[in-house]
PDB file of all heavy atoms in Angstrom:
ATOM      1  N   LEU A   1       0.813  -1.213   0.000  1.00  0.00           N
ATOM      2  CA  LEU A   1       0.000   0.000   0.000  1.00  0.00           C
ATOM      3  C   LEU A   1       0.854   1.273   0.000  1.00  0.00           C
ATOM      4  O   LEU A   1       0.305   2.372  -0.002  1.00  0.00           O
ATOM      5  CB  LEU A   1      -0.923   0.016   1.224  1.00  0.00           C
ATOM      6  CG  LEU A   1      -1.813  -1.217   1.420  1.00  0.00           C
ATOM      7  CD1 LEU A   1      -2.610  -1.090   2.708  1.00  0.00           C
ATOM      8  CD2 LEU A   1      -2.755  -1.388   0.232  1.00  0.00           C
ATOM      9  N   LEU A   2       2.176   1.123   0.000  1.00  0.00           N
ATOM     10  CA  LEU A   2       3.062   2.267   0.196  1.00  0.00           C
ATOM     11  C   LEU A   2       3.899   2.584  -1.034  1.00  0.00           C
ATOM     12  O   LEU A   2       4.990   3.137  -0.932  1.00  0.00           O
ATOM     13  CB  LEU A   2       4.002   1.984   1.384  1.00  0.00           C
ATOM     14  CG  LEU A   2       3.317   1.633   2.710  1.00  0.00           C
ATOM     15  CD1 LEU A   2       4.364   1.304   3.774  1.00  0.00           C
ATOM     16  CD2 LEU A   2       2.421   2.776   3.179  1.00  0.00           C
ATOM     17  N   ARG A   3       3.377   2.287  -2.211  1.00  0.00           N
ATOM     18  CA  ARG A   3       4.187   2.412  -3.417  1.00  0.00           C
ATOM     19  C   ARG A   3       4.320   3.839  -3.930  1.00  0.00           C
ATOM     20  O   ARG A   3       5.201   4.127  -4.727  1.00  0.00           O
ATOM     21  CB  ARG A   3       3.597   1.514  -4.510  1.00  0.00           C
ATOM     22  CG  ARG A   3       3.789   0.033  -4.170  1.00  0.00           C
ATOM     23  CD  ARG A   3       3.134  -0.883  -5.157  1.00  0.00           C
ATOM     24  NE  ARG A   3       3.343  -2.294  -4.830  1.00  0.00           N
ATOM     25  CZ  ARG A   3       2.663  -3.296  -5.356  1.00  0.00           C
ATOM     26  NH1 ARG A   3       1.710  -3.035  -6.241  1.00  0.00           N
ATOM     27  NH2 ARG A   3       2.919  -4.536  -5.000  1.00  0.00           N
ATOM     28  N   ASP A   4       3.457   4.745  -3.478  1.00  0.00           N
ATOM     29  CA  ASP A   4       3.525   6.106  -4.004  1.00  0.00           C
ATOM     30  C   ASP A   4       3.960   7.115  -2.945  1.00  0.00           C
ATOM     31  O   ASP A   4       3.696   8.312  -3.082  1.00  0.00           O
ATOM     32  CB  ASP A   4       2.173   6.512  -4.604  1.00  0.00           C
ATOM     33  CG  ASP A   4       1.046   6.475  -3.577  1.00  0.00           C
ATOM     34  OD1 ASP A   4       1.243   5.864  -2.511  1.00  0.00           O
ATOM     35  OD2 ASP A   4      -0.011   7.064  -3.848  1.00  0.00           O
ATOM     36  N   VAL A   5       4.616   6.654  -1.886  1.00  0.00           N
ATOM     37  CA  VAL A   5       5.161   7.558  -0.863  1.00  0.00           C
ATOM     38  C   VAL A   5       6.596   7.148  -0.571  1.00  0.00           C
ATOM     39  O   VAL A   5       7.020   6.026  -0.870  1.00  0.00           O
ATOM     40  CB  VAL A   5       4.333   7.518   0.446  1.00  0.00           C
ATOM     41  CG1 VAL A   5       2.943   8.067   0.229  1.00  0.00           C
ATOM     42  CG2 VAL A   5       4.282   6.104   1.017  1.00  0.00           C
ATOM     43  N   ASP A   6       7.364   8.092   0.019  1.00  0.00           N
ATOM     44  CA  ASP A   6       8.713   7.753   0.467  1.00  0.00           C
ATOM     45  C   ASP A   6       8.607   6.780   1.634  1.00  0.00           C
ATOM     46  O   ASP A   6       7.850   7.014   2.595  1.00  0.00           O
ATOM     47  CB  ASP A   6       9.449   9.005   0.934  1.00  0.00           C
ATOM     48  CG  ASP A   6       9.825   9.915  -0.218  1.00  0.00           C
ATOM     49  OD1 ASP A   6       9.836   9.444  -1.365  1.00  0.00           O
ATOM     50  OD2 ASP A   6      10.094  11.101   0.038  1.00  0.00           O
ATOM     51  N   VAL A   7       9.368   5.702   1.566  1.00  0.00           N
ATOM     52  CA  VAL A   7       9.304   4.672   2.601  1.00  0.00           C
ATOM     53  C   VAL A   7      10.709   4.333   3.083  1.00  0.00           C
ATOM     54  O   VAL A   7      11.624   4.132   2.270  1.00  0.00           O
ATOM     55  CB  VAL A   7       8.616   3.385   2.090  1.00  0.00           C
ATOM     56  CG1 VAL A   7       8.525   2.342   3.210  1.00  0.00           C
ATOM     57  CG2 VAL A   7       7.229   3.695   1.548  1.00  0.00           C
ATOM     58  N   LEU A   8      10.865   4.275   4.381  1.00  0.00           N
ATOM     59  CA  LEU A   8      12.065   3.739   5.003  1.00  0.00           C
ATOM     60  C   LEU A   8      11.696   2.367   5.547  1.00  0.00           C
ATOM     61  O   LEU A   8      10.932   2.258   6.514  1.00  0.00           O
ATOM     62  CB  LEU A   8      12.548   4.663   6.131  1.00  0.00           C
ATOM     63  CG  LEU A   8      13.680   4.132   7.015  1.00  0.00           C
ATOM     64  CD1 LEU A   8      14.920   3.807   6.187  1.00  0.00           C
ATOM     65  CD2 LEU A   8      14.000   5.129   8.127  1.00  0.00           C
ATOM     66  N   ARG A   9      12.203   1.326   4.911  1.00  0.00           N
ATOM     67  CA  ARG A   9      11.848  -0.037   5.305  1.00  0.00           C
ATOM     68  C   ARG A   9      12.909  -0.569   6.272  1.00  0.00           C
ATOM     69  O   ARG A   9      14.093  -0.679   5.913  1.00  0.00           O
ATOM     70  CB  ARG A   9      11.736  -0.945   4.078  1.00  0.00           C
ATOM     71  CG  ARG A   9      10.690  -0.464   3.083  1.00  0.00           C
ATOM     72  CD  ARG A   9      10.434  -1.494   1.989  1.00  0.00           C
ATOM     73  NE  ARG A   9       9.642  -0.922   0.908  1.00  0.00           N
ATOM     74  CZ  ARG A   9       8.325  -0.760   0.941  1.00  0.00           C
ATOM     75  NH1 ARG A   9       7.655  -1.152   2.006  1.00  0.00           N
ATOM     76  NH2 ARG A   9       7.678  -0.227  -0.086  1.00  0.00           N
ATOM     77  N   LEU A  10      12.477  -0.901   7.470  1.00  0.00           N
ATOM     78  CA  LEU A  10      13.391  -1.432   8.472  1.00  0.00           C
ATOM     79  C   LEU A  10      13.399  -2.953   8.414  1.00  0.00           C
ATOM     80  O   LEU A  10      12.387  -3.582   8.085  1.00  0.00           O
ATOM     81  CB  LEU A  10      12.976  -0.951   9.860  1.00  0.00           C
ATOM     82  CG  LEU A  10      12.917   0.570  10.039  1.00  0.00           C
ATOM     83  CD1 LEU A  10      12.532   0.918  11.473  1.00  0.00           C
ATOM     84  CD2 LEU A  10      14.249   1.214   9.671  1.00  0.00           C
ATOM     85  N   LYS A  11      14.522  -3.545   8.757  1.00  0.00           N
ATOM     86  CA  LYS A  11      14.660  -4.991   8.689  1.00  0.00           C
ATOM     87  C   LYS A  11      14.042  -5.693   9.887  1.00  0.00           C
ATOM     88  O   LYS A  11      13.832  -6.904   9.867  1.00  0.00           O
ATOM     89  CB  LYS A  11      16.140  -5.367   8.578  1.00  0.00           C
ATOM     90  CG  LYS A  11      16.780  -4.906   7.279  1.00  0.00           C
ATOM     91  CD  LYS A  11      18.231  -5.322   7.191  1.00  0.00           C
ATOM     92  CE  LYS A  11      18.852  -4.868   5.887  1.00  0.00           C
ATOM     93  NZ  LYS A  11      20.287  -5.268   5.783  1.00  0.00           N
ATOM     94  N   GLN A  12      13.776  -4.937  10.950  1.00  0.00           N
ATOM     95  CA  GLN A  12      13.115  -5.491  12.122  1.00  0.00           C
ATOM     96  C   GLN A  12      12.253  -4.415  12.753  1.00  0.00           C
ATOM     97  O   GLN A  12      12.402  -3.229  12.459  1.00  0.00           O
ATOM     98  CB  GLN A  12      14.130  -6.007  13.140  1.00  0.00           C
ATOM     99  CG  GLN A  12      15.012  -4.917  13.743  1.00  0.00           C
ATOM    100  CD  GLN A  12      16.081  -5.475  14.647  1.00  0.00           C
ATOM    101  OE1 GLN A  12      17.116  -5.942  14.181  1.00  0.00           O
ATOM    102  NE2 GLN A  12      15.819  -5.455  15.942  1.00  0.00           N
ATOM    103  N   ASN A  13      11.325  -4.838  13.598  1.00  0.00           N
ATOM    104  CA  ASN A  13      10.419  -3.906  14.248  1.00  0.00           C
ATOM    105  C   ASN A  13      11.143  -3.193  15.382  1.00  0.00           C
ATOM    106  O   ASN A  13      11.480  -3.812  16.406  1.00  0.00           O
ATOM    107  CB  ASN A  13       9.201  -4.673  14.786  1.00  0.00           C
ATOM    108  CG  ASN A  13       8.163  -3.751  15.393  1.00  0.00           C
ATOM    109  OD1 ASN A  13       8.301  -2.525  15.366  1.00  0.00           O
ATOM    110  ND2 ASN A  13       7.116  -4.328  15.946  1.00  0.00           N
ATOM    111  N   LEU A  14      11.393  -1.904  15.208  1.00  0.00           N
ATOM    112  CA  LEU A  14      12.069  -1.097  16.224  1.00  0.00           C
ATOM    113  C   LEU A  14      11.098  -0.315  17.084  1.00  0.00           C
ATOM    114  O   LEU A  14      11.522   0.498  17.911  1.00  0.00           O
ATOM    115  CB  LEU A  14      13.055  -0.127  15.549  1.00  0.00           C
ATOM    116  CG  LEU A  14      14.167  -0.770  14.714  1.00  0.00           C
ATOM    117  CD1 LEU A  14      15.080   0.313  14.156  1.00  0.00           C
ATOM    118  CD2 LEU A  14      14.956  -1.787  15.519  1.00  0.00           C
ATOM    119  N   GLY A  15       9.798  -0.555  16.898  1.00  0.00           N
ATOM    120  CA  GLY A  15       8.813   0.167  17.684  1.00  0.00           C
ATOM    121  C   GLY A  15       8.597   1.585  17.176  1.00  0.00           C
ATOM    122  O   GLY A  15       9.222   2.023  16.195  1.00  0.00           O
ATOM    123  N   TYR A  16       7.712   2.304  17.852  1.00  0.00           N
ATOM    124  CA  TYR A  16       7.410   3.673  17.441  1.00  0.00           C
ATOM    125  C   TYR A  16       8.617   4.576  17.672  1.00  0.00           C
ATOM    126  O   TYR A  16       9.023   5.346  16.793  1.00  0.00           O
ATOM    127  CB  TYR A  16       6.200   4.189  18.208  1.00  0.00           C
ATOM    128  CG  TYR A  16       5.640   5.482  17.651  1.00  0.00           C
ATOM    129  CD1 TYR A  16       5.009   5.506  16.418  1.00  0.00           C
ATOM    130  CD2 TYR A  16       5.729   6.669  18.366  1.00  0.00           C
ATOM    131  CE1 TYR A  16       4.494   6.681  15.894  1.00  0.00           C
ATOM    132  CE2 TYR A  16       5.211   7.852  17.863  1.00  0.00           C
ATOM    133  CZ  TYR A  16       4.593   7.852  16.620  1.00  0.00           C
ATOM    134  OH  TYR A  16       4.080   9.025  16.112  1.00  0.00           O
ATOM    135  N   ALA A  17       9.219   4.469  18.851  1.00  0.00           N
ATOM    136  CA  ALA A  17      10.369   5.317  19.163  1.00  0.00           C
ATOM    137  C   ALA A  17      11.527   5.028  18.230  1.00  0.00           C
ATOM    138  O   ALA A  17      12.175   5.943  17.704  1.00  0.00           O
ATOM    139  CB  ALA A  17      10.786   5.106  20.615  1.00  0.00           C
ATOM    140  N   GLY A  18      11.793   3.746  17.998  1.00  0.00           N
ATOM    141  CA  GLY A  18      12.889   3.388  17.104  1.00  0.00           C
ATOM    142  C   GLY A  18      12.638   3.822  15.675  1.00  0.00           C
ATOM    143  O   GLY A  18      13.572   4.212  14.961  1.00  0.00           O
ATOM    144  N   GLY A  19      11.378   3.764  15.250  1.00  0.00           N
ATOM    145  CA  GLY A  19      11.042   4.192  13.903  1.00  0.00           C
ATOM    146  C   GLY A  19      11.237   5.687  13.709  1.00  0.00           C
ATOM    147  O   GLY A  19      11.788   6.128  12.683  1.00  0.00           O
ATOM    148  N   ILE A  20      10.792   6.482  14.676  1.00  0.00           N
ATOM    149  CA  ILE A  20      10.982   7.935  14.589  1.00  0.00           C
ATOM    150  C   ILE A  20      12.471   8.260  14.596  1.00  0.00           C
ATOM    151  O   ILE A  20      12.951   9.105  13.825  1.00  0.00           O
ATOM    152  CB  ILE A  20      10.265   8.648  15.749  1.00  0.00           C
ATOM    153  CG1 ILE A  20       8.746   8.472  15.650  1.00  0.00           C
ATOM    154  CG2 ILE A  20      10.631  10.124  15.780  1.00  0.00           C
ATOM    155  CD1 ILE A  20       8.084   9.242  14.552  1.00  0.00           C
ATOM    156  N   ALA A  21      13.222   7.590  15.465  1.00  0.00           N
ATOM    157  CA  ALA A  21      14.663   7.840  15.554  1.00  0.00           C
ATOM    158  C   ALA A  21      15.356   7.488  14.243  1.00  0.00           C
ATOM    159  O   ALA A  21      16.271   8.197  13.799  1.00  0.00           O
ATOM    160  CB  ALA A  21      15.263   7.037  16.707  1.00  0.00           C
ATOM    161  N   ALA A  22      14.941   6.397  13.600  1.00  0.00           N
ATOM    162  CA  ALA A  22      15.545   6.001  12.328  1.00  0.00           C
ATOM    163  C   ALA A  22      15.239   7.008  11.224  1.00  0.00           C
ATOM    164  O   ALA A  22      16.054   7.209  10.307  1.00  0.00           O
ATOM    165  CB  ALA A  22      15.049   4.612  11.933  1.00  0.00           C
ATOM    166  N   ALA A  23      14.080   7.648  11.293  1.00  0.00           N
ATOM    167  CA  ALA A  23      13.684   8.606  10.256  1.00  0.00           C
ATOM    168  C   ALA A  23      14.354   9.962  10.423  1.00  0.00           C
ATOM    169  O   ALA A  23      14.566  10.671   9.425  1.00  0.00           O
ATOM    170  CB  ALA A  23      12.165   8.787  10.276  1.00  0.00           C
ATOM    171  N   LEU A  24      14.692  10.350  11.636  1.00  0.00           N
ATOM    172  CA  LEU A  24      15.143  11.713  11.899  1.00  0.00           C
ATOM    173  C   LEU A  24      16.346  12.133  11.048  1.00  0.00           C
ATOM    174  O   LEU A  24      16.370  13.273  10.550  1.00  0.00           O
ATOM    175  CB  LEU A  24      15.447  11.884  13.390  1.00  0.00           C
ATOM    176  CG  LEU A  24      15.724  13.304  13.879  1.00  0.00           C
ATOM    177  CD1 LEU A  24      14.571  14.246  13.531  1.00  0.00           C
ATOM    178  CD2 LEU A  24      16.001  13.314  15.376  1.00  0.00           C
ATOM    179  N   PRO A  25      17.349  11.280  10.823  1.00  0.00           N
ATOM    180  CA  PRO A  25      18.466  11.717   9.967  1.00  0.00           C
ATOM    181  C   PRO A  25      18.058  12.018   8.528  1.00  0.00           C
ATOM    182  O   PRO A  25      18.801  12.694   7.806  1.00  0.00           O
ATOM    183  CB  PRO A  25      19.432  10.521  10.021  1.00  0.00           C
ATOM    184  CG  PRO A  25      19.085   9.793  11.271  1.00  0.00           C
ATOM    185  CD  PRO A  25      17.608   9.965  11.430  1.00  0.00           C
ATOM    186  N   ARG A  26      16.892  11.546   8.104  1.00  0.00           N
ATOM    187  CA  ARG A  26      16.428  11.757   6.733  1.00  0.00           C
ATOM    188  C   ARG A  26      15.525  12.979   6.602  1.00  0.00           C
ATOM    189  O   ARG A  26      14.980  13.226   5.527  1.00  0.00           O
ATOM    190  CB  ARG A  26      15.675  10.524   6.247  1.00  0.00           C
ATOM    191  CG  ARG A  26      16.553   9.270   6.205  1.00  0.00           C
ATOM    192  CD  ARG A  26      15.750   8.023   5.907  1.00  0.00           C
ATOM    193  NE  ARG A  26      16.593   6.853   5.825  1.00  0.00           N
ATOM    194  CZ  ARG A  26      16.803   6.119   4.729  1.00  0.00           C
ATOM    195  NH1 ARG A  26      16.205   6.459   3.603  1.00  0.00           N
ATOM    196  NH2 ARG A  26      17.588   5.061   4.755  1.00  0.00           N
ATOM    197  N   VAL A  27      15.343  13.710   7.682  1.00  0.00           N
ATOM    198  CA  VAL A  27      14.470  14.887   7.670  1.00  0.00           C
ATOM    199  C   VAL A  27      15.305  16.132   7.410  1.00  0.00           C
ATOM    200  O   VAL A  27      16.254  16.424   8.148  1.00  0.00           O
ATOM    201  CB  VAL A  27      13.710  15.015   9.007  1.00  0.00           C
ATOM    202  CG1 VAL A  27      12.887  16.311   9.026  1.00  0.00           C
ATOM    203  CG2 VAL A  27      12.810  13.805   9.221  1.00  0.00           C
ATOM    204  N   GLY A  28      14.952  16.885   6.355  1.00  0.00           N
ATOM    205  CA  GLY A  28      15.684  18.092   6.010  1.00  0.00           C
ATOM    206  C   GLY A  28      14.844  19.352   6.088  1.00  0.00           C
ATOM    207  O   GLY A  28      15.295  20.417   5.670  1.00  0.00           O
ATOM    208  N   THR A  29      13.642  19.249   6.632  1.00  0.00           N
ATOM    209  CA  THR A  29      12.745  20.399   6.726  1.00  0.00           C
ATOM    210  C   THR A  29      12.853  21.068   8.094  1.00  0.00           C
ATOM    211  O   THR A  29      13.385  20.503   9.048  1.00  0.00           O
ATOM    212  CB  THR A  29      11.300  19.960   6.479  1.00  0.00           C
ATOM    213  OG1 THR A  29      11.007  18.815   7.315  1.00  0.00           O
ATOM    214  CG2 THR A  29      11.064  19.584   5.034  1.00  0.00           C
ATOM    215  N   GLU A  30      12.296  22.262   8.167  1.00  0.00           N
ATOM    216  CA  GLU A  30      12.310  23.040   9.407  1.00  0.00           C
ATOM    217  C   GLU A  30      11.587  22.321  10.539  1.00  0.00           C
ATOM    218  O   GLU A  30      12.022  22.348  11.693  1.00  0.00           O
ATOM    219  CB  GLU A  30      11.651  24.394   9.137  1.00  0.00           C
ATOM    220  CG  GLU A  30      11.535  25.313  10.330  1.00  0.00           C
ATOM    221  CD  GLU A  30      10.793  26.595  10.006  1.00  0.00           C
ATOM    222  OE1 GLU A  30      10.345  26.763   8.839  1.00  0.00           O
ATOM    223  OE2 GLU A  30      10.640  27.445  10.914  1.00  0.00           O
ATOM    224  N   PHE A  31      10.472  21.683  10.203  1.00  0.00           N
ATOM    225  CA  PHE A  31       9.657  20.997  11.202  1.00  0.00           C
ATOM    226  C   PHE A  31       9.575  19.509  10.873  1.00  0.00           C
ATOM    227  O   PHE A  31       9.659  19.106   9.707  1.00  0.00           O
ATOM    228  CB  PHE A  31       8.234  21.562  11.226  1.00  0.00           C
ATOM    229  CG  PHE A  31       8.145  23.041  11.516  1.00  0.00           C
ATOM    230  CD1 PHE A  31       7.389  23.870  10.688  1.00  0.00           C
ATOM    231  CD2 PHE A  31       8.782  23.604  12.608  1.00  0.00           C
ATOM    232  CE1 PHE A  31       7.275  25.223  10.943  1.00  0.00           C
ATOM    233  CE2 PHE A  31       8.681  24.969  12.875  1.00  0.00           C
ATOM    234  CZ  PHE A  31       7.926  25.777  12.048  1.00  0.00           C
ATOM    235  N   VAL A  32       9.360  18.713  11.912  1.00  0.00           N
ATOM    236  CA  VAL A  32       9.096  17.290  11.734  1.00  0.00           C
ATOM    237  C   VAL A  32       7.869  16.930  12.563  1.00  0.00           C
ATOM    238  O   VAL A  32       7.768  17.298  13.734  1.00  0.00           O
ATOM    239  CB  VAL A  32      10.304  16.416  12.128  1.00  0.00           C
ATOM    240  CG1 VAL A  32      10.754  16.649  13.572  1.00  0.00           C
ATOM    241  CG2 VAL A  32      10.000  14.939  11.892  1.00  0.00           C
ATOM    242  N   ALA A  33       6.930  16.256  11.925  1.00  0.00           N
ATOM    243  CA  ALA A  33       5.729  15.794  12.626  1.00  0.00           C
ATOM    244  C   ALA A  33       5.834  14.304  12.874  1.00  0.00           C
ATOM    245  O   ALA A  33       6.337  13.555  12.038  1.00  0.00           O
ATOM    246  CB  ALA A  33       4.476  16.093  11.794  1.00  0.00           C
ATOM    247  N   TRP A  34       5.368  13.886  14.046  1.00  0.00           N
ATOM    248  CA  TRP A  34       5.176  12.463  14.327  1.00  0.00           C
ATOM    249  C   TRP A  34       3.677  12.203  14.196  1.00  0.00           C
ATOM    250  O   TRP A  34       2.853  12.952  14.735  1.00  0.00           O
ATOM    251  CB  TRP A  34       5.591  12.104  15.738  1.00  0.00           C
ATOM    252  CG  TRP A  34       6.963  12.499  16.169  1.00  0.00           C
ATOM    253  CD1 TRP A  34       7.931  13.118  15.435  1.00  0.00           C
ATOM    254  CD2 TRP A  34       7.519  12.302  17.478  1.00  0.00           C
ATOM    255  NE1 TRP A  34       9.042  13.319  16.198  1.00  0.00           N
ATOM    256  CE2 TRP A  34       8.832  12.833  17.454  1.00  0.00           C
ATOM    257  CE3 TRP A  34       7.042  11.743  18.657  1.00  0.00           C
ATOM    258  CZ2 TRP A  34       9.673  12.812  18.573  1.00  0.00           C
ATOM    259  CZ3 TRP A  34       7.869  11.721  19.771  1.00  0.00           C
ATOM    260  CH2 TRP A  34       9.169  12.245  19.727  1.00  0.00           C
ATOM    261  N   LEU A  35       3.337  11.121  13.504  1.00  0.00           N
ATOM    262  CA  LEU A  35       1.921  10.800  13.334  1.00  0.00           C
ATOM    263  C   LEU A  35       1.723   9.295  13.374  1.00  0.00           C
ATOM    264  O   LEU A  35       2.378   8.550  12.642  1.00  0.00           O
ATOM    265  CB  LEU A  35       1.404  11.354  12.003  1.00  0.00           C
ATOM    266  CG  LEU A  35      -0.107  11.217  11.758  1.00  0.00           C
ATOM    267  CD1 LEU A  35      -0.906  12.067  12.737  1.00  0.00           C
ATOM    268  CD2 LEU A  35      -0.464  11.586  10.318  1.00  0.00           C
ATOM    269  N   ASN A  36       0.807   8.841  14.254  1.00  0.00           N
ATOM    270  CA  ASN A  36       0.444   7.420  14.294  1.00  0.00           C
ATOM    271  C   ASN A  36      -0.204   7.006  12.986  1.00  0.00           C
ATOM    272  O   ASN A  36      -0.912   7.799  12.344  1.00  0.00           O
ATOM    273  CB  ASN A  36      -0.534   7.158  15.431  1.00  0.00           C
ATOM    274  CG  ASN A  36       0.117   7.059  16.796  1.00  0.00           C
ATOM    275  OD1 ASN A  36      -0.557   6.880  17.796  1.00  0.00           O
ATOM    276  ND2 ASN A  36       1.428   7.176  16.873  1.00  0.00           N
ATOM    277  N   ASP A  37       0.003   5.747  12.609  1.00  0.00           N
ATOM    278  CA  ASP A  37      -0.600   5.271  11.363  1.00  0.00           C
ATOM    279  C   ASP A  37      -2.097   5.049  11.483  1.00  0.00           C
ATOM    280  O   ASP A  37      -2.782   4.840  10.482  1.00  0.00           O
ATOM    281  CB  ASP A  37       0.094   3.994  10.880  1.00  0.00           C
ATOM    282  CG  ASP A  37      -0.092   2.812  11.828  1.00  0.00           C
ATOM    283  OD1 ASP A  37      -0.577   2.999  12.968  1.00  0.00           O
ATOM    284  OD2 ASP A  37       0.259   1.677  11.431  1.00  0.00           O
ATOM    285  N   ASP A  38      -2.634   5.098  12.714  1.00  0.00           N
ATOM    286  CA  ASP A  38      -4.082   4.964  12.905  1.00  0.00           C
ATOM    287  C   ASP A  38      -4.733   6.313  13.188  1.00  0.00           C
ATOM    288  O   ASP A  38      -5.813   6.392  13.773  1.00  0.00           O
ATOM    289  CB  ASP A  38      -4.402   3.975  14.025  1.00  0.00           C
ATOM    290  CG  ASP A  38      -3.777   4.355  15.364  1.00  0.00           C
ATOM    291  OD1 ASP A  38      -3.064   5.385  15.425  1.00  0.00           O
ATOM    292  OD2 ASP A  38      -3.973   3.619  16.351  1.00  0.00           O
TER     293      ASP A  38
END
């Protein structure tokens, strides 16, 4: 379902905190939002 968005695919489940932490180095904008998938 994620073919038309930027996706960072992790090899294991790092949880919500681990997922946000993994994404942060890839953020180049002034602001970063965290949003639950639900």
